[in-house]
Protein backbone atom coordinates (compact mmCIF):
# COMPACT_ATOMS: atom_id res chain seq x y z
CA MET A 1 56.14 -18.86 -40.85
CA ASN A 2 58.93 -20.86 -39.27
CA HIS A 3 59.26 -18.25 -36.58
CA GLU A 4 55.55 -18.58 -35.76
CA GLY A 5 55.84 -22.36 -35.63
CA VAL A 6 58.76 -22.19 -33.20
CA HIS A 7 56.86 -19.67 -31.08
CA ARG A 8 53.78 -21.93 -30.98
CA ARG A 9 55.83 -24.98 -30.07
CA LYS A 10 57.58 -23.02 -27.32
CA PHE A 11 54.27 -21.74 -26.05
CA SER A 12 52.79 -25.23 -26.03
CA TRP A 13 55.81 -26.66 -24.21
CA ASP A 14 55.74 -23.86 -21.62
CA THR A 15 52.03 -24.38 -21.06
CA PHE A 16 52.47 -28.15 -20.74
CA SER A 17 55.37 -27.85 -18.30
CA SER A 18 53.45 -25.34 -16.18
CA VAL A 19 50.39 -27.59 -16.00
CA ALA A 20 52.52 -30.67 -15.33
CA THR A 21 54.20 -28.86 -12.44
CA LEU A 22 50.85 -27.93 -10.89
CA ILE A 23 49.15 -31.32 -11.32
CA PRO A 24 50.76 -33.05 -8.26
CA SER A 25 49.86 -30.11 -6.02
CA LEU A 26 46.31 -30.01 -7.38
CA ILE A 27 45.88 -33.74 -6.78
CA LEU A 28 47.17 -33.49 -3.20
CA LEU A 29 45.01 -30.42 -2.59
CA GLY A 30 41.96 -32.16 -3.99
CA VAL A 31 42.47 -35.30 -1.90
CA PHE A 32 43.77 -33.99 1.41
CA VAL A 33 41.75 -30.75 1.58
CA TYR A 34 38.56 -30.88 -0.46
CA GLY A 35 38.31 -34.66 -0.31
CA PHE A 36 38.53 -34.67 3.49
CA ILE A 37 36.06 -31.78 3.69
CA ALA A 38 33.59 -33.83 1.63
CA TRP A 39 34.24 -36.85 3.87
CA THR A 40 33.62 -34.78 7.01
CA VAL A 41 30.33 -33.49 5.62
CA TYR A 42 29.32 -37.05 4.77
CA VAL A 43 30.19 -38.36 8.24
CA SER A 44 28.22 -35.51 9.85
CA LEU A 45 25.09 -36.86 8.12
CA THR A 46 25.50 -40.40 9.48
CA LYS A 47 24.83 -42.19 12.79
CA TRP A 48 28.52 -42.83 13.57
CA ASN A 49 28.43 -41.77 17.22
CA SER A 50 30.19 -44.73 18.77
CA PHE A 51 33.51 -46.49 18.40
CA ILE A 52 31.94 -48.81 15.82
CA PRO A 53 31.39 -47.08 12.44
CA ASP A 54 27.75 -46.68 11.41
CA PHE A 55 27.21 -44.96 8.09
CA SER A 56 23.43 -45.09 8.20
CA PHE A 57 21.95 -41.81 6.98
CA ALA A 58 20.82 -39.54 9.84
CA GLY A 59 20.10 -36.31 8.00
CA LEU A 60 20.50 -33.21 10.15
CA MET A 61 20.09 -35.12 13.42
CA ASN A 62 23.67 -34.45 14.55
CA TYR A 63 23.39 -30.73 13.83
CA MET A 64 20.17 -30.51 15.85
CA ALA A 65 21.82 -32.43 18.67
CA ILE A 66 24.86 -30.16 18.99
CA PHE A 67 22.83 -26.93 18.71
CA ASN A 68 20.60 -28.14 21.56
CA THR A 69 23.51 -28.70 23.95
CA TYR A 70 24.57 -26.19 26.58
CA ARG A 71 28.21 -26.64 25.64
CA PHE A 72 27.86 -25.79 21.96
CA GLN A 73 25.67 -22.78 22.69
CA SER A 74 28.40 -21.62 25.07
CA ASP A 75 30.96 -22.24 22.34
CA LEU A 76 29.12 -19.97 19.91
CA ARG A 77 28.91 -17.20 22.52
CA ASN A 78 32.58 -17.56 23.38
CA ILE A 79 33.83 -17.61 19.80
CA VAL A 80 31.85 -14.49 18.86
CA VAL A 81 33.00 -12.57 21.95
CA PHE A 82 36.59 -13.71 21.59
CA THR A 83 36.80 -13.01 17.85
CA VAL A 84 35.37 -9.48 18.08
CA LEU A 85 37.56 -8.42 21.03
CA PHE A 86 40.62 -10.19 19.63
CA ILE A 87 40.40 -8.46 16.25
CA VAL A 88 39.65 -5.01 17.68
CA LEU A 89 42.50 -5.14 20.21
CA CYS A 90 45.01 -6.55 17.71
CA LEU A 91 44.13 -3.79 15.23
CA VAL A 92 44.45 -1.04 17.83
CA VAL A 93 47.66 -2.36 19.41
CA GLY A 94 49.18 -3.29 16.06
CA LEU A 95 48.47 0.12 14.51
CA ALA A 96 49.80 1.93 17.58
CA LEU A 97 53.03 -0.08 17.49
CA ALA A 98 53.38 0.43 13.73
CA ILE A 99 52.99 4.21 14.10
CA LEU A 100 55.57 4.17 16.90
CA VAL A 101 58.11 2.21 14.84
CA ASP A 102 57.39 4.38 11.78
CA GLN A 103 58.68 7.48 13.58
CA LYS A 104 62.27 6.54 12.66
CA ILE A 105 63.11 5.84 16.29
CA LYS A 106 66.57 4.67 17.32
CA ALA A 107 67.10 0.90 17.32
CA GLU A 108 64.04 0.48 15.12
CA GLY A 109 65.08 -2.99 14.06
CA PHE A 110 65.43 -4.07 17.68
CA PHE A 111 61.95 -2.88 18.68
CA ARG A 112 60.42 -4.31 15.52
CA SER A 113 61.92 -7.69 16.35
CA ILE A 114 60.72 -7.49 19.97
CA PHE A 115 57.16 -6.71 18.92
CA ILE A 116 56.99 -9.47 16.33
CA PHE A 117 58.89 -12.07 18.38
CA PRO A 118 55.77 -13.61 20.05
CA MET A 119 54.65 -14.86 16.63
CA ALA A 120 57.63 -17.23 16.62
CA ILE A 121 56.20 -18.99 19.69
CA SER A 122 53.55 -21.67 19.32
CA PHE A 123 50.13 -21.10 20.85
CA VAL A 124 50.69 -24.06 23.15
CA VAL A 125 53.81 -22.50 24.67
CA THR A 126 52.02 -19.16 24.98
CA GLY A 127 49.14 -20.87 26.79
CA VAL A 128 51.42 -22.61 29.28
CA VAL A 129 53.40 -19.44 30.05
CA TRP A 130 50.39 -17.17 30.45
CA SER A 131 48.48 -19.71 32.53
CA TRP A 132 51.42 -19.62 34.97
CA ILE A 133 51.63 -15.81 34.88
CA LEU A 134 47.91 -15.23 35.50
CA ASN A 135 47.23 -18.12 37.87
CA PRO A 136 46.14 -16.76 41.31
CA ASN A 137 48.69 -18.95 43.10
CA THR A 138 51.72 -18.32 40.90
CA GLY A 139 53.25 -15.82 38.51
CA VAL A 140 52.38 -12.18 39.01
CA ASN A 141 50.72 -12.79 42.37
CA LEU A 142 53.94 -14.14 43.86
CA ILE A 143 55.72 -10.92 42.86
CA LEU A 144 52.93 -8.78 44.29
CA LYS A 145 52.96 -10.70 47.57
CA ALA A 146 56.73 -10.31 47.81
CA PHE A 147 56.28 -6.51 47.78
CA GLY A 148 53.40 -6.65 50.25
CA TRP A 149 50.73 -5.77 47.68
CA LYS A 150 47.34 -7.38 47.32
CA SER A 151 46.96 -10.32 44.98
CA LEU A 152 45.16 -10.05 41.70
CA PRO A 153 41.58 -11.37 41.76
CA SER A 154 41.05 -14.93 40.63
CA TRP A 155 39.25 -13.86 37.44
CA PHE A 156 41.46 -16.33 35.57
CA LEU A 157 39.27 -19.09 37.06
CA SER A 158 36.05 -17.09 37.24
CA THR A 159 32.73 -18.36 35.90
CA THR A 160 31.17 -14.88 35.94
CA ILE A 161 29.57 -13.62 32.73
CA THR A 162 28.88 -9.91 32.35
CA PRO A 163 26.44 -8.60 31.36
CA SER A 164 24.37 -11.69 32.05
CA ILE A 165 21.49 -11.88 29.57
CA PRO A 166 19.57 -15.22 29.51
CA ILE A 167 19.14 -16.62 26.01
CA GLY A 168 18.42 -20.29 25.36
CA GLN A 169 20.32 -22.42 27.85
CA ILE A 170 23.15 -19.93 28.37
CA GLN A 171 23.90 -16.43 29.64
CA LEU A 172 24.82 -13.98 26.90
CA GLY A 173 27.74 -11.70 27.77
CA ILE A 174 31.50 -11.62 28.21
CA PRO A 175 32.97 -14.52 30.27
CA ILE A 176 35.53 -12.96 32.62
CA ALA A 177 37.84 -15.99 32.40
CA LEU A 178 37.94 -15.57 28.62
CA LEU A 179 39.72 -12.24 29.09
CA ALA A 180 42.82 -14.10 30.29
CA VAL A 181 42.93 -16.04 27.04
CA LEU A 182 42.31 -12.81 25.14
CA ILE A 183 45.34 -11.12 26.74
CA ALA A 184 47.60 -14.01 25.71
CA ALA A 185 46.22 -14.12 22.16
CA VAL A 186 46.57 -10.36 21.62
CA TRP A 187 50.11 -10.46 23.01
CA GLN A 188 51.02 -13.10 20.44
CA MET A 189 49.26 -11.76 17.32
CA SER A 190 49.42 -7.97 17.67
CA GLY A 191 52.98 -8.12 16.32
CA PHE A 192 51.61 -9.56 13.09
CA ALA A 193 49.18 -6.64 12.78
CA MET A 194 52.07 -4.26 13.48
CA ALA A 195 54.21 -5.74 10.70
CA VAL A 196 51.44 -5.51 8.11
CA TYR A 197 50.43 -2.01 9.18
CA LEU A 198 54.07 -0.89 9.10
CA ALA A 199 54.35 -2.06 5.49
CA GLY A 200 51.15 -0.17 4.70
CA LEU A 201 52.41 3.01 6.37
CA ARG A 202 55.71 2.85 4.51
CA ALA A 203 53.78 2.52 1.23
CA ILE A 204 52.00 5.86 1.72
CA ALA A 205 53.79 8.57 -0.26
CA ASP A 206 55.29 11.33 1.87
CA ASP A 207 54.24 13.89 -0.77
CA ILE A 208 50.57 13.38 0.13
CA LYS A 209 51.15 14.00 3.83
CA GLU A 210 53.44 16.94 3.11
CA ALA A 211 50.82 18.56 0.86
CA ALA A 212 48.25 18.19 3.65
CA ARG A 213 50.60 19.87 6.13
CA ILE A 214 51.15 22.77 3.74
CA ASP A 215 47.35 23.16 3.50
CA GLY A 216 47.25 23.51 7.29
CA ALA A 217 46.08 20.03 8.28
CA GLY A 218 47.14 18.92 11.76
CA ALA A 219 48.47 15.52 12.77
CA TRP A 220 45.05 14.13 13.73
CA ARG A 221 43.44 15.40 10.50
CA ILE A 222 46.19 13.79 8.44
CA PHE A 223 45.79 10.54 10.34
CA PHE A 224 42.00 10.25 9.97
CA SER A 225 41.65 11.81 6.50
CA ILE A 226 44.74 10.46 4.73
CA ILE A 227 46.49 7.65 6.57
CA LEU A 228 43.49 5.56 7.70
CA PRO A 229 41.76 5.58 4.28
CA GLN A 230 45.03 4.49 2.69
CA LEU A 231 45.20 1.58 5.15
CA LYS A 232 41.74 0.24 4.29
CA ALA A 233 43.00 -2.68 2.19
CA THR A 234 45.69 -3.44 4.78
CA THR A 235 43.13 -3.49 7.57
CA THR A 236 40.86 -5.81 5.59
CA THR A 237 43.71 -8.26 5.06
CA ILE A 238 44.59 -8.25 8.77
CA ILE A 239 40.95 -8.76 9.77
CA ILE A 240 40.54 -11.76 7.46
CA ILE A 241 43.72 -13.47 8.67
CA LEU A 242 43.02 -12.77 12.34
CA THR A 243 39.42 -13.95 11.98
CA ALA A 244 40.56 -17.26 10.53
CA ALA A 245 43.14 -17.64 13.31
CA SER A 246 40.55 -16.78 15.97
CA LEU A 247 37.87 -19.17 14.74
CA LYS A 248 40.38 -22.04 14.52
CA ILE A 249 42.05 -21.35 17.87
CA PHE A 250 42.81 -24.56 19.72
CA GLY A 251 46.33 -24.87 21.14
CA LEU A 252 46.11 -21.73 23.29
CA ILE A 253 42.80 -22.76 24.87
CA TYR A 254 43.85 -26.38 25.32
CA ALA A 255 47.11 -25.48 27.08
CA MET A 256 45.87 -22.48 29.06
CA THR A 257 42.39 -23.17 30.45
CA GLY A 258 40.73 -26.06 28.66
CA PRO A 259 36.96 -25.72 28.38
CA GLY A 260 36.83 -24.10 31.82
CA GLN A 261 34.15 -24.43 34.46
CA ALA A 262 30.68 -24.17 32.91
CA PHE A 263 32.47 -24.02 29.53
CA VAL A 264 33.29 -20.31 29.96
CA THR A 265 36.48 -20.64 27.88
CA ASP A 266 35.40 -23.46 25.60
CA MET A 267 35.66 -23.13 21.81
CA PRO A 268 34.13 -25.12 18.91
CA SER A 269 37.56 -26.47 17.94
CA LEU A 270 38.17 -27.86 21.44
CA ASN A 271 34.62 -29.20 21.60
CA MET A 272 35.13 -30.93 18.25
CA PHE A 273 38.39 -32.53 19.39
CA GLN A 274 36.97 -33.86 22.65
CA THR A 275 33.67 -34.96 21.12
CA THR A 276 35.38 -36.84 18.30
CA PHE A 277 38.52 -38.34 19.79
CA GLN A 278 37.63 -38.60 23.48
CA GLY A 279 33.88 -39.14 23.26
CA ASP A 280 33.95 -41.28 20.09
CA ALA A 281 30.96 -39.31 18.74
CA PHE A 282 32.46 -39.01 15.28
CA ALA A 283 29.33 -37.80 13.50
CA GLN A 284 28.64 -35.05 16.02
CA GLY A 285 32.30 -34.04 15.96
CA ALA A 286 32.12 -33.84 12.18
CA ALA A 287 29.00 -31.68 12.47
CA ILE A 288 30.86 -29.26 14.75
CA ALA A 289 33.71 -29.16 12.23
CA VAL A 290 31.31 -28.34 9.39
CA VAL A 291 29.71 -25.52 11.39
CA LEU A 292 33.19 -24.16 12.15
CA LEU A 293 34.07 -24.34 8.45
CA LEU A 294 30.91 -22.40 7.56
CA LEU A 295 31.76 -19.73 10.14
CA ILE A 296 35.19 -19.29 8.56
CA ALA A 297 33.68 -19.25 5.05
CA VAL A 298 31.32 -16.44 6.02
CA PHE A 299 34.35 -14.19 6.51
CA ILE A 300 36.74 -15.58 3.89
CA ILE A 301 34.51 -15.91 0.81
CA PRO A 302 33.42 -12.23 0.63
CA TYR A 303 37.08 -11.23 0.86
CA LEU A 304 38.05 -13.58 -1.97
CA ILE A 305 35.19 -12.31 -4.14
CA SER A 306 36.21 -8.71 -3.47
CA THR A 307 39.84 -9.51 -4.31
CA LEU A 308 38.89 -11.19 -7.58
CA ARG A 309 36.72 -8.23 -8.60
CA GLN A 310 39.52 -5.79 -7.85
CA GLY A 311 41.88 -7.89 -9.96
CA GLU A 312 39.42 -7.89 -12.88
CA ASN A 313 38.90 -4.14 -12.65
CA SER A 314 42.61 -3.44 -12.56
């Protein structure tokens, strides 16, 4: 009986200390994350579109206003194109690098560090460096001219969209200038995909692959029938993280191209910043932020639900 009493008191004290430790973090999280999200939603429903605050209720007026603008329609096109290409290229490049490093090559640690090094650089620095490299008047073109070769085309500053399909106020397609930003972003984040894929590859038991070889399976059959299925959870994790990074991208665009001519490289995050803090349209800026939050939630929430279900089943 005494032993049970001591155990209960210990359990109660452990529970209390654990909760007490979490309370400050929960309060800060509630105020500075969910509280500010609620405030942003509230502001997006008001008429505060000048320097002077006006909290009169406006309903969905701000959402209708931003969706009817050429710039925001361009933003939605750009973010979809950029996110899809960014994720696909990072997955392909990251997996290829992970397979290369997984071959027990010499100086593996050196190459692994080289591939993952760009992640240590901020997006702003990456934007500045790549804007210099790809600018028609500097960077690579100076090297090409020094060897008597032709300069690269000025697609870095291009307003061309291909294929050009009219929809609403914009042309649906891939903005050529956005490819420059895409190159810089993939260069920086493919190392992250490599690191996660490498961990996934190292977690696959060699016995499974060896059994497949004994059964006569070739390298390609082993890759598509054994390795890729085993990397499904790893790929899902990479996609979720890269999607969140892509939808929130700001520093790279701001430092490298800005919104671009005809908004060919504009993004909702940049639009929100300029609308709110340079245009003093706080309610419309908040509306853009809410739409961006919903776009991120569309990808994140299903992943969280799937993770919780897997945890319950296990």
